[in-house]
Each structure stands twice: as structure tokens, then as C-alpha cells.
Amino acid sequence: MDTIFFILSKVVQFCIEPLNWVIAFVLLGLLFLSLRKPHLCKRFLVLALFDLLLVGWLPASELPLRAIENLIPKAALPNDLNNEIGGIIILGGSFNGGQIMLDRDEVSLRSSAERLTKAFELIRKNPSLPYIFSGASGRITSRGISEADAFKQLVQEQGLNEAQAHNENQSRNTYENVLYMKPMIQELGAKNEAGQLKPWLLITSASHMYRSVKIFEKQDLSVLPLPVDYQTANRLQWTEFNLVDGAQNWHAVVHEAVGLLAYWITGKI
């Protein structure tokens, strides 16, 4: 059942991303042109143009994305992380396709690399803390090496403390991240005087943090959110038009909306 929902969520996301509608509108326009119905052809071409304007005008995507990014603020970090938290969690999503890394023999990072840079900063400052990277591949058909294996290679290249490094290399989505990490957190995490697990520091993109925290809460795991990889500022860029940035923003918005809906339907949050 989880596999069916995983595939279905990918299909639904593809179908409702605004930039993908352009293809449908243009194809319908060409269809009606071939059927000698120019008035319908013009309407669908106008819709395609309007869609491109919607995607490219940045405030249209920044408004919902900023709202998502602001749902979970940064937690105030304790002065002494070693005594106050159980460890550090880094969620996958920072690496490019595994086939690139396999073919080029180089670790390739995406725009969400802040998940790693912030984690490495804290790991260097607190080398005795255990840390877990969670993620295999978010693709329906994975290719090349997993993100967890890429992370392991990056840890070696950066000279970090490998003794405290732990990888979870089976998960395909956020729910599986938490599900497969839970036994590791329970085993590795330190406990307070009351015998309860100390909270773990959670690092992921700001747009992804709300859904992540809700899943951890559902699994009765306490985390301190440290969102990174913000894509919006406090002020909107009212006069900015950029199809590439707009498409990326809409992708993030739709990805989170579909994920939240799918997890709510299946009782995961």
C-alpha cells in the first residue's frame, strides 16, 4: 500500500504542477487547430500563455511557499548540544541523481545542499554527537548509488568523525525516513534523568520542515527543528519574472501540498 501511495503521489504531483499544464494546453490547441476549430485553439493557447505568466511571476509562487516555510520557526539551540540533545538528523534530498555520481565518480549536490553544510558545521563543533543521514532515493525507479552512500563518501572526503556517522538507506519519502530511523534513534539516543529520549536536532529544508515534524510527532519522537534552504525572503519580489525560479517554487509548493494530503489520508500525520 505504501508503494502504491508513493507512486500515486508522484503522478498527482506531475499532473498538477502549473508548468506541466502548458504542455496540455498547447497539445489541446494543436488538436483543435487540426480539427479546424481556431476559436478553441486560440483559447487554449491563451491559457498556455497565462499559465507561463503565472509560473514566471515570482510573487504568485513565493506567497504560498513563504507561508509553508514560516510554519515551523527555528528552535533555539541549547548552549551545550552534547548534553541537551540526543543527536543530529539530516534528511535526504541534497544529492543529485545517483547515476551522475556513479558515472562521474564525484558527489553532486543540489540547491538544498544547506542541509549538509549546516549539519557539517554542527558535527565539527560537536564531534561526540551521533548523527544519522536518512535517504535512499525519491525516484520511482532509482538509479546509481543511494543518497546514503553518497553521504558516506562525502563524510570521508570532508574528514568528519565517521565513528558517529550512521546511515539509513532504504527510505523513499519522509514517512519512511522517520519509520526506518526510529529504531536507530531509540538505540543511539541519550536519555535524560527521567529515562526519556533527549530530543534530536532535525535538519531539512524550511519548506519540508512542517511535514517532517508532524511525522516525527506521530511516531512519538521529539525533535528540535532547524530549517535551512529558505527560498523566500520577508519581502516579495513584486516586479520579478523568472520561469526557472518560479517553476522551482511551484514544485516545492505542490510537493508539500501533495505530501501533506497523502499523509493525512493514510493517517501518517
C-alpha atoms as a PDB file:
ATOM      1  CA  MET A   1       0.000   0.000   0.000  1.00  0.00           C
ATOM      2  CA  ASP A   2       2.828   2.426   0.822  1.00  0.00           C
ATOM      3  CA  THR A   3       4.363   1.779  -2.598  1.00  0.00           C
ATOM      4  CA  ILE A   4       1.038   2.497  -4.330  1.00  0.00           C
ATOM      5  CA  PHE A   5       0.677   5.821  -2.490  1.00  0.00           C
ATOM      6  CA  PHE A   6       4.322   6.671  -3.217  1.00  0.00           C
ATOM      7  CA  ILE A   7       3.823   6.191  -6.955  1.00  0.00           C
ATOM      8  CA  LEU A   8       0.408   7.847  -6.928  1.00  0.00           C
ATOM      9  CA  SER A   9       1.740  10.928  -5.139  1.00  0.00           C
ATOM     10  CA  LYS A  10       4.443  11.318  -7.798  1.00  0.00           C
ATOM     11  CA  VAL A  11       1.875  11.041 -10.594  1.00  0.00           C
ATOM     12  CA  VAL A  12      -0.506  13.521  -8.940  1.00  0.00           C
ATOM     13  CA  GLN A  13       2.318  15.994  -8.357  1.00  0.00           C
ATOM     14  CA  PHE A  14       3.349  15.823 -12.012  1.00  0.00           C
ATOM     15  CA  CYS A  15      -0.229  16.361 -13.159  1.00  0.00           C
ATOM     16  CA  ILE A  16      -0.930  19.445 -11.057  1.00  0.00           C
ATOM     17  CA  GLU A  17       2.335  21.363 -11.326  1.00  0.00           C
ATOM     18  CA  PRO A  18       1.405  24.558 -13.228  1.00  0.00           C
ATOM     19  CA  LEU A  19       4.296  24.423 -15.698  1.00  0.00           C
ATOM     20  CA  ASN A  20       3.214  20.974 -16.857  1.00  0.00           C
ATOM     21  CA  TRP A  21      -0.208  22.361 -17.759  1.00  0.00           C
ATOM     22  CA  VAL A  22       1.424  24.333 -20.580  1.00  0.00           C
ATOM     23  CA  ILE A  23       2.093  21.091 -22.423  1.00  0.00           C
ATOM     24  CA  ALA A  24      -1.551  20.030 -22.139  1.00  0.00           C
ATOM     25  CA  PHE A  25      -2.852  23.439 -23.232  1.00  0.00           C
ATOM     26  CA  VAL A  26      -0.550  23.559 -26.269  1.00  0.00           C
ATOM     27  CA  LEU A  27      -1.430  19.984 -27.289  1.00  0.00           C
ATOM     28  CA  LEU A  28      -5.133  20.763 -26.996  1.00  0.00           C
ATOM     29  CA  GLY A  29      -4.605  23.913 -29.020  1.00  0.00           C
ATOM     30  CA  LEU A  30      -2.882  21.921 -31.771  1.00  0.00           C
ATOM     31  CA  LEU A  31      -5.655  19.333 -31.648  1.00  0.00           C
ATOM     32  CA  PHE A  32      -8.380  21.894 -32.196  1.00  0.00           C
ATOM     33  CA  LEU A  33      -6.284  23.558 -34.885  1.00  0.00           C
ATOM     34  CA  SER A  34      -6.131  20.243 -36.760  1.00  0.00           C
ATOM     35  CA  LEU A  35      -9.915  19.924 -36.316  1.00  0.00           C
ATOM     36  CA  ARG A  36     -10.296  23.393 -37.877  1.00  0.00           C
ATOM     37  CA  LYS A  37     -11.673  24.983 -34.757  1.00  0.00           C
ATOM     38  CA  PRO A  38      -9.441  28.052 -34.472  1.00  0.00           C
ATOM     39  CA  HIS A  39     -11.538  29.734 -31.765  1.00  0.00           C
ATOM     40  CA  LEU A  40     -10.902  26.813 -29.375  1.00  0.00           C
ATOM     41  CA  CYS A  41      -7.259  26.658 -30.450  1.00  0.00           C
ATOM     42  CA  LYS A  42      -6.814  30.339 -29.546  1.00  0.00           C
ATOM     43  CA  ARG A  43      -8.429  29.821 -26.131  1.00  0.00           C
ATOM     44  CA  PHE A  44      -6.051  27.042 -25.160  1.00  0.00           C
ATOM     45  CA  LEU A  45      -3.036  28.974 -26.441  1.00  0.00           C
ATOM     46  CA  VAL A  46      -4.150  31.940 -24.320  1.00  0.00           C
ATOM     47  CA  LEU A  47      -4.425  29.589 -21.334  1.00  0.00           C
ATOM     48  CA  ALA A  48      -0.892  28.342 -22.032  1.00  0.00           C
ATOM     49  CA  LEU A  49       0.364  31.935 -22.118  1.00  0.00           C
ATOM     50  CA  PHE A  50      -1.477  32.794 -18.900  1.00  0.00           C
ATOM     51  CA  ASP A  51      -0.005  29.681 -17.267  1.00  0.00           C
ATOM     52  CA  LEU A  52       3.516  30.749 -18.214  1.00  0.00           C
ATOM     53  CA  LEU A  53       2.865  34.187 -16.737  1.00  0.00           C
ATOM     54  CA  LEU A  54       1.566  32.588 -13.532  1.00  0.00           C
ATOM     55  CA  VAL A  55       4.673  30.434 -13.210  1.00  0.00           C
ATOM     56  CA  GLY A  56       7.155  33.152 -14.104  1.00  0.00           C
ATOM     57  CA  TRP A  57       5.741  35.996 -11.973  1.00  0.00           C
ATOM     58  CA  LEU A  58       7.541  35.175  -8.730  1.00  0.00           C
ATOM     59  CA  PRO A  59       5.071  36.568  -6.138  1.00  0.00           C
ATOM     60  CA  ALA A  60       2.465  34.036  -7.315  1.00  0.00           C
ATOM     61  CA  SER A  61       4.649  31.161  -6.108  1.00  0.00           C
ATOM     62  CA  GLU A  62       6.500  32.983  -3.339  1.00  0.00           C
ATOM     63  CA  LEU A  63       3.318  33.730  -1.359  1.00  0.00           C
ATOM     64  CA  PRO A  64       2.326  30.088  -0.743  1.00  0.00           C
ATOM     65  CA  LEU A  65       5.937  28.948  -0.447  1.00  0.00           C
ATOM     66  CA  ARG A  66       6.763  31.602   2.145  1.00  0.00           C
ATOM     67  CA  ALA A  67       3.690  30.585   4.147  1.00  0.00           C
ATOM     68  CA  ILE A  68       4.904  26.973   4.187  1.00  0.00           C
ATOM     69  CA  GLU A  69       8.459  27.955   5.111  1.00  0.00           C
ATOM     70  CA  ASN A  70       7.193  30.060   8.034  1.00  0.00           C
ATOM     71  CA  LEU A  71       5.060  27.290   9.578  1.00  0.00           C
ATOM     72  CA  ILE A  72       7.937  25.966  11.699  1.00  0.00           C
ATOM     73  CA  PRO A  73      10.398  28.555  13.084  1.00  0.00           C
ATOM     74  CA  LYS A  74      13.941  27.718  14.032  1.00  0.00           C
ATOM     75  CA  ALA A  75      14.249  26.246  17.502  1.00  0.00           C
ATOM     76  CA  ALA A  76      16.532  27.980  19.979  1.00  0.00           C
ATOM     77  CA  LEU A  77      19.590  25.762  20.133  1.00  0.00           C
ATOM     78  CA  PRO A  78      20.835  24.792  23.610  1.00  0.00           C
ATOM     79  CA  ASN A  79      24.185  26.220  24.664  1.00  0.00           C
ATOM     80  CA  ASP A  80      25.536  22.719  25.241  1.00  0.00           C
ATOM     81  CA  LEU A  81      24.323  20.469  22.444  1.00  0.00           C
ATOM     82  CA  ASN A  82      26.246  17.470  23.766  1.00  0.00           C
ATOM     83  CA  ASN A  83      24.200  17.377  26.973  1.00  0.00           C
ATOM     84  CA  GLU A  84      20.844  18.624  25.707  1.00  0.00           C
ATOM     85  CA  ILE A  85      20.195  16.666  22.504  1.00  0.00           C
ATOM     86  CA  GLY A  86      20.474  13.026  21.523  1.00  0.00           C
ATOM     87  CA  GLY A  87      21.999  13.581  18.106  1.00  0.00           C
ATOM     88  CA  ILE A  88      21.597  15.173  14.688  1.00  0.00           C
ATOM     89  CA  ILE A  89      19.235  14.045  11.926  1.00  0.00           C
ATOM     90  CA  ILE A  90      19.846  15.043   8.302  1.00  0.00           C
ATOM     91  CA  LEU A  91      17.063  14.234   5.857  1.00  0.00           C
ATOM     92  CA  GLY A  92      17.963  13.320   2.294  1.00  0.00           C
ATOM     93  CA  GLY A  93      17.270  15.427  -0.760  1.00  0.00           C
ATOM     94  CA  SER A  94      20.589  17.245  -1.153  1.00  0.00           C
ATOM     95  CA  PHE A  95      22.173  14.996  -3.756  1.00  0.00           C
ATOM     96  CA  ASN A  96      21.682  14.888  -7.499  1.00  0.00           C
ATOM     97  CA  GLY A  97      20.792  11.638  -9.235  1.00  0.00           C
ATOM     98  CA  GLY A  98      22.820   8.649  -8.144  1.00  0.00           C
ATOM     99  CA  GLN A  99      23.716   7.831 -11.741  1.00  0.00           C
ATOM    100  CA  ILE A 100      25.642  11.102 -12.071  1.00  0.00           C
ATOM    101  CA  MET A 101      27.751  10.284  -9.013  1.00  0.00           C
ATOM    102  CA  LEU A 102      28.331   6.750 -10.262  1.00  0.00           C
ATOM    103  CA  ASP A 103      29.375   7.821 -13.762  1.00  0.00           C
ATOM    104  CA  ARG A 104      31.426  10.864 -12.756  1.00  0.00           C
ATOM    105  CA  ASP A 105      32.870   9.493  -9.513  1.00  0.00           C
ATOM    106  CA  GLU A 106      32.095  12.784  -7.793  1.00  0.00           C
ATOM    107  CA  VAL A 107      29.497  13.747  -5.211  1.00  0.00           C
ATOM    108  CA  SER A 108      26.973  16.038  -6.903  1.00  0.00           C
ATOM    109  CA  LEU A 109      24.851  18.372  -4.752  1.00  0.00           C
ATOM    110  CA  ARG A 110      21.549  20.108  -5.427  1.00  0.00           C
ATOM    111  CA  SER A 111      20.370  23.570  -4.372  1.00  0.00           C
ATOM    112  CA  SER A 112      19.296  22.113  -0.994  1.00  0.00           C
ATOM    113  CA  ALA A 113      22.935  21.498  -0.063  1.00  0.00           C
ATOM    114  CA  GLU A 114      22.411  23.698   3.025  1.00  0.00           C
ATOM    115  CA  ARG A 115      21.029  20.593   4.730  1.00  0.00           C
ATOM    116  CA  LEU A 116      24.560  19.220   4.558  1.00  0.00           C
ATOM    117  CA  THR A 117      26.589  22.381   5.130  1.00  0.00           C
ATOM    118  CA  LYS A 118      24.652  23.266   8.298  1.00  0.00           C
ATOM    119  CA  ALA A 119      24.900  19.680   9.527  1.00  0.00           C
ATOM    120  CA  PHE A 120      28.655  19.550   8.904  1.00  0.00           C
ATOM    121  CA  GLU A 121      29.102  22.822  10.800  1.00  0.00           C
ATOM    122  CA  LEU A 122      27.384  21.370  13.872  1.00  0.00           C
ATOM    123  CA  ILE A 123      29.089  17.981  13.543  1.00  0.00           C
ATOM    124  CA  ARG A 124      32.527  19.619  13.543  1.00  0.00           C
ATOM    125  CA  LYS A 125      31.626  21.681  16.613  1.00  0.00           C
ATOM    126  CA  ASN A 126      30.168  18.643  18.424  1.00  0.00           C
ATOM    127  CA  PRO A 127      32.170  15.614  17.249  1.00  0.00           C
ATOM    128  CA  SER A 128      30.897  13.357  20.053  1.00  0.00           C
ATOM    129  CA  LEU A 129      27.263  13.591  18.950  1.00  0.00           C
ATOM    130  CA  PRO A 130      25.844  10.756  16.817  1.00  0.00           C
ATOM    131  CA  TYR A 131      24.328  11.805  13.525  1.00  0.00           C
ATOM    132  CA  ILE A 132      22.042  10.000  11.097  1.00  0.00           C
ATOM    133  CA  PHE A 133      21.572  10.657   7.410  1.00  0.00           C
ATOM    134  CA  SER A 134      18.329   9.246   6.061  1.00  0.00           C
ATOM    135  CA  GLY A 135      17.513   8.713   2.408  1.00  0.00           C
ATOM    136  CA  ALA A 136      17.917   6.266  -0.453  1.00  0.00           C
ATOM    137  CA  SER A 137      16.175   7.802  -3.449  1.00  0.00           C
ATOM    138  CA  GLY A 138      12.990   9.777  -4.022  1.00  0.00           C
ATOM    139  CA  ARG A 139      12.604   8.494  -7.575  1.00  0.00           C
ATOM    140  CA  ILE A 140      10.092   5.862  -8.604  1.00  0.00           C
ATOM    141  CA  THR A 141      12.935   3.965 -10.267  1.00  0.00           C
ATOM    142  CA  SER A 142      16.230   4.671  -8.522  1.00  0.00           C
ATOM    143  CA  ARG A 143      19.474   4.628 -10.481  1.00  0.00           C
ATOM    144  CA  GLY A 144      23.102   4.593  -9.407  1.00  0.00           C
ATOM    145  CA  ILE A 145      24.176   4.862  -5.786  1.00  0.00           C
ATOM    146  CA  SER A 146      21.828   5.853  -2.970  1.00  0.00           C
ATOM    147  CA  GLU A 147      21.932   9.222  -1.231  1.00  0.00           C
ATOM    148  CA  ALA A 148      23.043   7.475   1.960  1.00  0.00           C
ATOM    149  CA  ASP A 149      26.069   6.014   0.154  1.00  0.00           C
ATOM    150  CA  ALA A 150      26.839   9.425  -1.335  1.00  0.00           C
ATOM    151  CA  PHE A 151      26.656  10.931   2.151  1.00  0.00           C
ATOM    152  CA  LYS A 152      29.058   8.300   3.451  1.00  0.00           C
ATOM    153  CA  GLN A 153      31.515   9.218   0.718  1.00  0.00           C
ATOM    154  CA  LEU A 154      31.121  12.928   1.479  1.00  0.00           C
ATOM    155  CA  VAL A 155      31.762  12.341   5.191  1.00  0.00           C
ATOM    156  CA  GLN A 156      35.033  10.627   4.305  1.00  0.00           C
ATOM    157  CA  GLU A 157      36.050  13.391   1.901  1.00  0.00           C
ATOM    158  CA  GLN A 158      35.308  16.094   4.493  1.00  0.00           C
ATOM    159  CA  GLY A 159      37.215  14.292   7.238  1.00  0.00           C
ATOM    160  CA  LEU A 160      34.317  14.139   9.687  1.00  0.00           C
ATOM    161  CA  ASN A 161      34.065  11.746  12.603  1.00  0.00           C
ATOM    162  CA  GLU A 162      32.975   8.516  10.907  1.00  0.00           C
ATOM    163  CA  ALA A 163      32.582   6.697  14.222  1.00  0.00           C
ATOM    164  CA  GLN A 164      29.449   8.740  14.961  1.00  0.00           C
ATOM    165  CA  ALA A 165      28.059   8.558  11.409  1.00  0.00           C
ATOM    166  CA  HIS A 166      25.005   6.408  10.765  1.00  0.00           C
ATOM    167  CA  ASN A 167      23.104   5.931   7.514  1.00  0.00           C
ATOM    168  CA  GLU A 168      19.557   4.874   6.742  1.00  0.00           C
ATOM    169  CA  ASN A 169      19.500   3.743   3.106  1.00  0.00           C
ATOM    170  CA  GLN A 170      16.038   2.289   2.463  1.00  0.00           C
ATOM    171  CA  SER A 171      13.630   5.228   2.623  1.00  0.00           C
ATOM    172  CA  ARG A 172      11.977   6.777  -0.434  1.00  0.00           C
ATOM    173  CA  ASN A 173       9.968   9.518   1.280  1.00  0.00           C
ATOM    174  CA  THR A 174       9.677  11.421   4.541  1.00  0.00           C
ATOM    175  CA  TYR A 175       7.424   8.901   6.244  1.00  0.00           C
ATOM    176  CA  GLU A 176       9.891   6.112   5.538  1.00  0.00           C
ATOM    177  CA  ASN A 177      12.730   8.376   6.714  1.00  0.00           C
ATOM    178  CA  VAL A 178      11.166   8.509  10.158  1.00  0.00           C
ATOM    179  CA  LEU A 179       9.920   4.941  10.208  1.00  0.00           C
ATOM    180  CA  TYR A 180      13.306   3.414   9.398  1.00  0.00           C
ATOM    181  CA  MET A 181      15.241   5.820  11.617  1.00  0.00           C
ATOM    182  CA  LYS A 182      13.103   5.273  14.698  1.00  0.00           C
ATOM    183  CA  PRO A 183      14.925   2.104  15.903  1.00  0.00           C
ATOM    184  CA  MET A 184      18.272   3.821  15.289  1.00  0.00           C
ATOM    185  CA  ILE A 185      17.222   6.903  17.265  1.00  0.00           C
ATOM    186  CA  GLN A 186      15.985   4.763  20.133  1.00  0.00           C
ATOM    187  CA  GLU A 187      19.250   2.809  20.182  1.00  0.00           C
ATOM    188  CA  LEU A 188      21.696   5.669  19.742  1.00  0.00           C
ATOM    189  CA  GLY A 189      19.926   8.489  21.575  1.00  0.00           C
ATOM    190  CA  ALA A 190      20.887   9.507  25.089  1.00  0.00           C
ATOM    191  CA  LYS A 191      18.218   9.703  27.781  1.00  0.00           C
ATOM    192  CA  ASN A 192      17.503  12.321  30.413  1.00  0.00           C
ATOM    193  CA  GLU A 193      17.167  11.731  34.142  1.00  0.00           C
ATOM    194  CA  ALA A 194      13.517  10.704  33.691  1.00  0.00           C
ATOM    195  CA  GLY A 195      14.553   7.950  31.302  1.00  0.00           C
ATOM    196  CA  GLN A 196      13.117   9.674  28.241  1.00  0.00           C
ATOM    197  CA  LEU A 197      14.973  10.097  24.987  1.00  0.00           C
ATOM    198  CA  LYS A 198      16.546  13.505  24.555  1.00  0.00           C
ATOM    199  CA  PRO A 199      15.272  15.407  21.504  1.00  0.00           C
ATOM    200  CA  TRP A 200      17.252  15.142  18.297  1.00  0.00           C
ATOM    201  CA  LEU A 201      18.160  18.113  16.144  1.00  0.00           C
ATOM    202  CA  LEU A 202      16.322  17.869  12.812  1.00  0.00           C
ATOM    203  CA  ILE A 203      17.839  19.495   9.725  1.00  0.00           C
ATOM    204  CA  THR A 204      15.888  19.775   6.492  1.00  0.00           C
ATOM    205  CA  SER A 205      14.628  22.423   4.076  1.00  0.00           C
ATOM    206  CA  ALA A 206      12.277  25.028   5.528  1.00  0.00           C
ATOM    207  CA  SER A 207       9.505  24.086   3.089  1.00  0.00           C
ATOM    208  CA  HIS A 208       9.848  20.452   4.155  1.00  0.00           C
ATOM    209  CA  MET A 209      10.049  21.016   7.908  1.00  0.00           C
ATOM    210  CA  TYR A 210       6.329  21.154   8.781  1.00  0.00           C
ATOM    211  CA  ARG A 211       5.552  17.778   7.235  1.00  0.00           C
ATOM    212  CA  SER A 212       8.688  16.265   8.757  1.00  0.00           C
ATOM    213  CA  VAL A 213       7.938  17.459  12.299  1.00  0.00           C
ATOM    214  CA  LYS A 214       4.354  16.190  12.094  1.00  0.00           C
ATOM    215  CA  ILE A 215       5.552  12.714  11.150  1.00  0.00           C
ATOM    216  CA  PHE A 216       8.091  12.636  13.980  1.00  0.00           C
ATOM    217  CA  GLU A 217       5.345  13.690  16.393  1.00  0.00           C
ATOM    218  CA  LYS A 218       3.094  10.915  15.083  1.00  0.00           C
ATOM    219  CA  GLN A 219       5.883   8.434  15.848  1.00  0.00           C
ATOM    220  CA  ASP A 220       6.321   9.875  19.386  1.00  0.00           C
ATOM    221  CA  LEU A 221       9.816  11.178  18.637  1.00  0.00           C
ATOM    222  CA  SER A 222      10.868  14.578  19.945  1.00  0.00           C
ATOM    223  CA  VAL A 223      12.882  16.810  17.599  1.00  0.00           C
ATOM    224  CA  LEU A 224      14.248  20.353  17.590  1.00  0.00           C
ATOM    225  CA  PRO A 225      13.633  21.839  14.122  1.00  0.00           C
ATOM    226  CA  LEU A 226      16.487  23.600  12.374  1.00  0.00           C
ATOM    227  CA  PRO A 227      15.095  24.624   8.977  1.00  0.00           C
ATOM    228  CA  VAL A 228      17.545  25.619   6.262  1.00  0.00           C
ATOM    229  CA  ASP A 229      17.448  26.132   2.489  1.00  0.00           C
ATOM    230  CA  TYR A 230      14.972  29.034   2.561  1.00  0.00           C
ATOM    231  CA  GLN A 231      13.786  30.036  -0.922  1.00  0.00           C
ATOM    232  CA  THR A 232      11.808  33.146   0.033  1.00  0.00           C
ATOM    233  CA  ALA A 233      12.637  36.388   1.816  1.00  0.00           C
ATOM    234  CA  ASN A 234      10.453  38.539   4.047  1.00  0.00           C
ATOM    235  CA  ARG A 235       9.677  40.844   1.144  1.00  0.00           C
ATOM    236  CA  LEU A 236       8.104  39.699  -2.100  1.00  0.00           C
ATOM    237  CA  GLN A 237       9.744  40.488  -5.431  1.00  0.00           C
ATOM    238  CA  TRP A 238       6.700  42.118  -6.985  1.00  0.00           C
ATOM    239  CA  THR A 239       8.361  43.042 -10.283  1.00  0.00           C
ATOM    240  CA  GLU A 240      10.438  39.899 -10.758  1.00  0.00           C
ATOM    241  CA  PHE A 241       9.714  37.445 -13.563  1.00  0.00           C
ATOM    242  CA  ASN A 242      11.730  34.243 -13.782  1.00  0.00           C
ATOM    243  CA  LEU A 243      10.395  30.998 -15.214  1.00  0.00           C
ATOM    244  CA  VAL A 244      13.143  28.844 -13.738  1.00  0.00           C
ATOM    245  CA  ASP A 245      12.794  30.163 -10.179  1.00  0.00           C
ATOM    246  CA  GLY A 246       9.031  30.198 -10.446  1.00  0.00           C
ATOM    247  CA  ALA A 247       8.922  26.590 -11.621  1.00  0.00           C
ATOM    248  CA  GLN A 248      11.161  25.540  -8.725  1.00  0.00           C
ATOM    249  CA  ASN A 249       8.965  27.390  -6.238  1.00  0.00           C
ATOM    250  CA  TRP A 250       5.784  25.809  -7.573  1.00  0.00           C
ATOM    251  CA  HIS A 251       7.452  22.401  -7.485  1.00  0.00           C
ATOM    252  CA  ALA A 252       8.178  22.843  -3.777  1.00  0.00           C
ATOM    253  CA  VAL A 253       4.657  24.097  -3.043  1.00  0.00           C
ATOM    254  CA  VAL A 254       2.935  21.286  -4.918  1.00  0.00           C
ATOM    255  CA  HIS A 255       5.326  18.679  -3.477  1.00  0.00           C
ATOM    256  CA  GLU A 256       4.465  19.658   0.084  1.00  0.00           C
ATOM    257  CA  ALA A 257       0.743  20.044  -0.597  1.00  0.00           C
ATOM    258  CA  VAL A 258       0.514  16.599  -2.183  1.00  0.00           C
ATOM    259  CA  GLY A 259       2.675  15.072   0.550  1.00  0.00           C
ATOM    260  CA  LEU A 260       0.574  16.534   3.349  1.00  0.00           C
ATOM    261  CA  LEU A 261      -2.664  15.428   1.709  1.00  0.00           C
ATOM    262  CA  ALA A 262      -1.388  11.899   1.066  1.00  0.00           C
ATOM    263  CA  TYR A 263      -0.077  11.522   4.626  1.00  0.00           C
ATOM    264  CA  TRP A 264      -3.309  12.896   6.096  1.00  0.00           C
ATOM    265  CA  ILE A 265      -5.399  10.456   4.065  1.00  0.00           C
ATOM    266  CA  THR A 266      -3.254   7.499   5.128  1.00  0.00           C
ATOM    267  CA  GLY A 267      -3.094   8.555   8.792  1.00  0.00           C
ATOM    268  CA  LYS A 268       0.653   9.198   8.819  1.00  0.00           C
ATOM    269  CA  ILE A 269       0.218  12.662  10.310  1.00  0.00           C
END
